[in-house]
C-alpha cells in the first residue's frame, strides 16, 4: 500500500531563503546541503538547469540534514514527507515545487 510520495524539494530557513533565494533562482554560488540518497545534481538535471552552488555538507541522516537547514547552514534538498511539519510550522520554506527524482515512494 503506497502511503506517501518520495518527492523532494529544496528548502531553507526563512532567513536563508531571503538571503539566497534570488541566487538560487539565478544559478548563483549558493550553499548546498546534500543527502547522499538525493543528490543536487539529479534535481538540477530534472529542472533542466546547470548545477550551481557549493556543497556545504553531505549527510547520510535526513534528520541531521533537515536540522542543519532549519538552523540556516544552507539550502537542503529533502523529501517532502520529512519536511512537511517544518514547512507547516514556518521553520523551513520551499524554494521550488516538489519533484519526483526516483521511484522511492513510501509503502506499508
N, C-alpha and C. Protein backbone atom coordinates (compact mmCIF):
# COMPACT_ATOMS: atom_id res chain seq x y z
N UNK A 1 0.84 -1.18 0.00
CA UNK A 1 0.00 0.00 0.00
C UNK A 1 0.89 1.25 0.00
N UNK A 2 0.76 2.06 -1.01
CA UNK A 2 1.52 3.32 -1.07
C UNK A 2 0.93 4.29 -0.06
N UNK A 3 1.79 4.84 0.80
CA UNK A 3 1.28 5.78 1.81
C UNK A 3 1.82 7.20 1.64
N UNK A 4 2.91 7.37 0.89
CA UNK A 4 3.45 8.72 0.70
C UNK A 4 4.35 8.76 -0.52
N UNK A 5 4.41 9.93 -1.10
CA UNK A 5 5.26 10.17 -2.26
C UNK A 5 6.71 10.35 -1.81
N UNK A 6 7.63 10.02 -2.67
CA UNK A 6 9.04 10.24 -2.41
C UNK A 6 9.56 11.54 -3.01
N UNK A 7 8.65 12.46 -3.35
CA UNK A 7 9.04 13.73 -3.95
C UNK A 7 10.01 14.50 -3.05
N UNK A 8 10.93 15.23 -3.68
CA UNK A 8 11.88 16.06 -2.96
C UNK A 8 11.68 17.52 -3.35
N UNK A 9 12.15 18.41 -2.49
CA UNK A 9 12.10 19.82 -2.78
C UNK A 9 13.21 20.55 -2.05
N UNK A 10 13.67 21.67 -2.61
CA UNK A 10 14.69 22.46 -1.94
C UNK A 10 14.04 23.30 -0.84
N UNK A 11 14.64 23.27 0.34
CA UNK A 11 14.11 24.00 1.49
C UNK A 11 15.22 24.76 2.20
N UNK A 12 14.83 25.82 2.88
CA UNK A 12 15.79 26.61 3.64
C UNK A 12 15.05 27.28 4.79
N UNK A 13 15.82 27.75 5.76
CA UNK A 13 15.22 28.55 6.83
C UNK A 13 14.69 29.84 6.20
N UNK A 14 13.72 30.49 6.83
CA UNK A 14 13.21 31.75 6.27
C UNK A 14 14.31 32.79 6.03
N UNK A 15 15.24 32.93 6.97
CA UNK A 15 16.34 33.89 6.80
C UNK A 15 17.23 33.51 5.62
N UNK A 16 17.55 32.23 5.52
CA UNK A 16 18.39 31.75 4.42
C UNK A 16 17.68 31.95 3.08
N UNK A 17 16.38 31.71 3.05
CA UNK A 17 15.61 31.89 1.82
C UNK A 17 15.62 33.36 1.38
N UNK A 18 15.50 34.27 2.34
CA UNK A 18 15.57 35.71 1.99
C UNK A 18 16.95 36.08 1.46
N UNK A 19 17.98 35.53 2.10
CA UNK A 19 19.34 35.88 1.72
C UNK A 19 19.78 35.25 0.39
N UNK A 20 19.40 34.00 0.14
CA UNK A 20 19.90 33.25 -1.00
C UNK A 20 18.86 32.91 -2.05
N UNK A 21 17.59 33.29 -1.85
CA UNK A 21 16.52 32.92 -2.78
C UNK A 21 16.77 33.36 -4.21
N UNK A 22 17.17 34.61 -4.41
CA UNK A 22 17.41 35.11 -5.76
C UNK A 22 18.60 34.40 -6.40
N UNK A 23 19.65 34.18 -5.63
CA UNK A 23 20.82 33.47 -6.16
C UNK A 23 20.46 32.03 -6.53
N UNK A 24 19.58 31.41 -5.74
CA UNK A 24 19.14 30.05 -6.06
C UNK A 24 18.41 30.03 -7.39
N UNK A 25 17.55 30.98 -7.61
CA UNK A 25 16.79 31.07 -8.86
C UNK A 25 17.70 31.37 -10.05
N UNK A 26 18.74 32.17 -9.83
CA UNK A 26 19.58 32.64 -10.93
C UNK A 26 20.88 31.86 -11.11
N UNK A 27 21.05 30.78 -10.36
CA UNK A 27 22.25 29.96 -10.53
C UNK A 27 23.49 30.51 -9.89
N UNK A 28 23.34 31.18 -8.75
CA UNK A 28 24.49 31.75 -8.06
C UNK A 28 25.25 30.74 -7.22
N UNK A 29 26.21 31.25 -6.50
CA UNK A 29 27.08 30.44 -5.65
C UNK A 29 26.42 30.20 -4.30
N UNK A 30 25.43 29.33 -4.29
CA UNK A 30 24.60 29.09 -3.11
C UNK A 30 25.17 27.97 -2.23
N UNK A 31 24.97 28.04 -0.92
CA UNK A 31 25.44 26.98 -0.03
C UNK A 31 24.44 25.82 -0.02
N UNK A 32 24.89 24.65 -0.44
CA UNK A 32 24.02 23.49 -0.57
C UNK A 32 24.29 22.45 0.51
N UNK A 33 23.22 21.91 1.07
CA UNK A 33 23.28 20.78 1.98
C UNK A 33 22.72 19.59 1.22
N UNK A 34 23.45 18.49 1.22
CA UNK A 34 23.06 17.37 0.38
C UNK A 34 22.92 16.09 1.20
N UNK A 35 21.90 15.31 0.85
CA UNK A 35 21.72 13.98 1.43
C UNK A 35 22.24 12.98 0.41
N UNK A 36 22.91 11.94 0.87
CA UNK A 36 23.54 11.02 -0.07
C UNK A 36 22.56 10.26 -0.97
N UNK A 37 21.29 10.19 -0.61
CA UNK A 37 20.33 9.50 -1.49
C UNK A 37 19.56 10.45 -2.40
N UNK A 38 19.70 11.75 -2.22
CA UNK A 38 19.02 12.73 -3.06
C UNK A 38 20.03 13.79 -3.52
N UNK A 39 20.88 13.45 -4.49
CA UNK A 39 21.90 14.41 -4.91
C UNK A 39 21.33 15.63 -5.63
N UNK A 40 21.91 16.77 -5.35
CA UNK A 40 21.50 18.00 -6.02
C UNK A 40 21.66 17.88 -7.54
N UNK A 41 22.69 17.19 -7.98
CA UNK A 41 22.92 17.02 -9.42
C UNK A 41 21.66 16.49 -10.11
N UNK A 42 21.02 15.50 -9.48
CA UNK A 42 19.80 14.92 -10.06
C UNK A 42 18.67 15.94 -10.11
N UNK A 43 18.54 16.75 -9.06
CA UNK A 43 17.48 17.76 -9.02
C UNK A 43 17.69 18.81 -10.11
N UNK A 44 18.92 19.33 -10.21
CA UNK A 44 19.20 20.33 -11.24
C UNK A 44 18.96 19.76 -12.64
N UNK A 45 19.37 18.52 -12.87
CA UNK A 45 19.13 17.88 -14.17
C UNK A 45 17.63 17.78 -14.45
N UNK A 46 16.84 17.38 -13.45
CA UNK A 46 15.38 17.25 -13.63
C UNK A 46 14.73 18.59 -13.93
N UNK A 47 15.34 19.68 -13.45
CA UNK A 47 14.81 21.02 -13.70
C UNK A 47 15.32 21.61 -15.01
N UNK A 48 16.23 20.90 -15.67
CA UNK A 48 16.82 21.42 -16.90
C UNK A 48 17.78 22.56 -16.64
N UNK A 49 18.38 22.56 -15.46
CA UNK A 49 19.31 23.63 -15.06
C UNK A 49 20.71 23.06 -14.87
N UNK A 50 21.70 23.92 -15.01
CA UNK A 50 23.07 23.53 -14.72
C UNK A 50 23.27 23.53 -13.21
N UNK A 51 24.08 22.59 -12.76
CA UNK A 51 24.41 22.51 -11.34
C UNK A 51 25.11 23.79 -10.92
N UNK A 52 24.69 24.36 -9.83
CA UNK A 52 25.33 25.56 -9.32
C UNK A 52 25.46 25.43 -7.81
N UNK A 53 26.17 26.33 -7.23
CA UNK A 53 26.33 26.34 -5.78
C UNK A 53 27.55 25.57 -5.33
N UNK A 54 27.71 25.53 -4.02
CA UNK A 54 28.83 24.82 -3.42
C UNK A 54 28.31 23.95 -2.29
N UNK A 55 28.84 22.76 -2.20
CA UNK A 55 28.39 21.83 -1.17
C UNK A 55 28.97 22.26 0.18
N UNK A 56 28.08 22.56 1.13
CA UNK A 56 28.49 22.90 2.48
C UNK A 56 28.73 21.64 3.30
N UNK A 57 27.86 20.65 3.10
CA UNK A 57 27.97 19.40 3.87
C UNK A 57 27.20 18.31 3.15
N UNK A 58 27.65 17.07 3.38
CA UNK A 58 26.98 15.88 2.85
C UNK A 58 26.52 15.05 4.05
N UNK A 59 25.23 14.70 4.06
CA UNK A 59 24.63 13.97 5.18
C UNK A 59 24.20 12.58 4.73
N UNK A 60 24.25 11.64 5.66
CA UNK A 60 23.64 10.34 5.41
C UNK A 60 22.48 10.11 6.38
N UNK A 61 22.10 11.16 7.10
CA UNK A 61 20.98 11.13 8.04
C UNK A 61 20.05 12.29 7.69
N UNK A 62 18.84 11.98 7.26
CA UNK A 62 17.89 13.01 6.83
C UNK A 62 17.52 13.96 7.97
N UNK A 63 17.45 13.45 9.18
CA UNK A 63 17.12 14.30 10.32
C UNK A 63 18.17 15.38 10.54
N UNK A 64 19.44 15.00 10.42
CA UNK A 64 20.51 15.99 10.58
C UNK A 64 20.51 16.99 9.43
N UNK A 65 20.23 16.53 8.23
CA UNK A 65 20.12 17.42 7.07
C UNK A 65 19.06 18.48 7.31
N UNK A 66 17.90 18.05 7.75
CA UNK A 66 16.78 18.97 7.98
C UNK A 66 17.11 19.94 9.10
N UNK A 67 17.71 19.45 10.16
CA UNK A 67 18.09 20.31 11.30
C UNK A 67 19.10 21.37 10.86
N UNK A 68 20.06 20.99 10.04
CA UNK A 68 21.05 21.94 9.53
C UNK A 68 20.37 23.02 8.69
N UNK A 69 19.40 22.62 7.87
CA UNK A 69 18.66 23.61 7.07
C UNK A 69 17.86 24.54 7.97
N UNK A 70 17.20 24.01 8.99
CA UNK A 70 16.43 24.84 9.92
C UNK A 70 17.32 25.86 10.63
N UNK A 71 18.56 25.48 10.89
CA UNK A 71 19.47 26.38 11.60
C UNK A 71 20.23 27.33 10.67
N UNK A 72 19.92 27.28 9.37
CA UNK A 72 20.47 28.26 8.44
C UNK A 72 21.84 27.96 7.89
N UNK A 73 22.24 26.68 7.86
CA UNK A 73 23.55 26.33 7.34
C UNK A 73 23.59 26.21 5.83
N UNK A 74 22.44 26.18 5.17
CA UNK A 74 22.41 26.08 3.73
C UNK A 74 21.03 25.68 3.23
N UNK A 75 20.95 25.44 1.95
CA UNK A 75 19.71 25.02 1.29
C UNK A 75 19.76 23.52 1.13
N UNK A 76 18.75 22.83 1.62
CA UNK A 76 18.73 21.37 1.61
C UNK A 76 17.76 20.85 0.56
N UNK A 77 18.11 19.74 -0.03
CA UNK A 77 17.20 19.00 -0.89
C UNK A 77 16.68 17.84 -0.06
N UNK A 78 15.38 17.87 0.28
CA UNK A 78 14.84 16.90 1.22
C UNK A 78 13.52 16.34 0.73
N UNK A 79 13.19 15.17 1.22
CA UNK A 79 11.89 14.57 0.90
C UNK A 79 10.77 15.40 1.54
N UNK A 80 9.76 15.66 0.74
CA UNK A 80 8.63 16.47 1.21
C UNK A 80 8.00 15.86 2.46
N UNK A 81 7.87 14.56 2.47
CA UNK A 81 7.29 13.85 3.60
C UNK A 81 8.02 14.20 4.90
N UNK A 82 9.33 14.33 4.85
CA UNK A 82 10.12 14.56 6.04
C UNK A 82 10.17 16.02 6.49
N UNK A 83 9.89 16.95 5.58
CA UNK A 83 9.97 18.37 5.94
C UNK A 83 8.60 19.04 6.05
N UNK A 84 7.53 18.31 5.80
CA UNK A 84 6.21 18.93 5.80
C UNK A 84 5.88 19.62 7.13
N UNK A 85 6.19 18.99 8.26
CA UNK A 85 5.92 19.63 9.56
C UNK A 85 6.70 20.93 9.72
N UNK A 86 7.96 20.94 9.31
CA UNK A 86 8.77 22.15 9.42
C UNK A 86 8.25 23.24 8.47
N UNK A 87 7.77 22.85 7.30
CA UNK A 87 7.16 23.82 6.38
C UNK A 87 5.89 24.40 6.98
N UNK A 88 5.05 23.53 7.53
CA UNK A 88 3.79 23.98 8.13
C UNK A 88 4.03 24.92 9.32
N UNK A 89 5.09 24.65 10.08
CA UNK A 89 5.41 25.46 11.27
C UNK A 89 6.19 26.74 10.93
N UNK A 90 6.63 26.86 9.67
CA UNK A 90 7.38 28.05 9.28
C UNK A 90 8.87 27.98 9.60
N UNK A 91 9.36 26.83 10.04
CA UNK A 91 10.79 26.69 10.32
C UNK A 91 11.59 26.57 9.02
N UNK A 92 10.93 26.09 7.97
CA UNK A 92 11.53 25.98 6.64
C UNK A 92 10.56 26.55 5.62
N UNK A 93 11.11 27.01 4.50
CA UNK A 93 10.29 27.44 3.37
C UNK A 93 10.79 26.70 2.13
N UNK A 94 9.87 26.42 1.22
CA UNK A 94 10.22 25.74 -0.03
C UNK A 94 10.70 26.77 -1.04
N UNK A 95 11.76 26.44 -1.76
CA UNK A 95 12.29 27.33 -2.79
C UNK A 95 11.86 26.93 -4.19
N UNK A 96 11.19 25.80 -4.30
CA UNK A 96 10.66 25.32 -5.59
C UNK A 96 9.61 24.26 -5.28
N UNK A 97 8.85 23.92 -6.29
CA UNK A 97 7.81 22.90 -6.14
C UNK A 97 8.45 21.52 -5.97
N UNK A 98 7.75 20.61 -5.30
CA UNK A 98 8.25 19.24 -5.17
C UNK A 98 8.39 18.59 -6.54
N UNK A 99 9.37 17.70 -6.65
CA UNK A 99 9.51 16.94 -7.89
C UNK A 99 9.94 15.52 -7.56
N UNK A 100 9.67 14.65 -8.48
CA UNK A 100 9.98 13.22 -8.32
C UNK A 100 11.29 12.95 -9.04
N UNK A 101 12.28 12.44 -8.29
CA UNK A 101 13.58 12.10 -8.88
C UNK A 101 13.73 10.62 -9.10
N UNK A 102 12.98 9.82 -8.34
CA UNK A 102 13.09 8.37 -8.46
C UNK A 102 11.80 7.73 -7.96
N UNK A 103 11.73 6.44 -8.07
CA UNK A 103 10.54 5.70 -7.60
C UNK A 103 10.75 5.21 -6.18
N UNK A 104 11.02 6.12 -5.28
CA UNK A 104 11.23 5.70 -3.88
C UNK A 104 10.11 6.20 -2.96
N UNK A 105 8.88 5.96 -3.38
CA UNK A 105 7.73 6.28 -2.55
C UNK A 105 7.78 5.43 -1.28
N UNK A 106 6.96 5.78 -0.32
CA UNK A 106 6.91 5.06 0.95
C UNK A 106 5.72 4.11 0.92
N UNK A 107 5.98 2.84 1.21
CA UNK A 107 4.94 1.81 1.18
C UNK A 107 4.83 1.13 2.54
N UNK A 108 3.63 0.65 2.82
CA UNK A 108 3.38 -0.11 4.05
C UNK A 108 3.01 -1.52 3.66
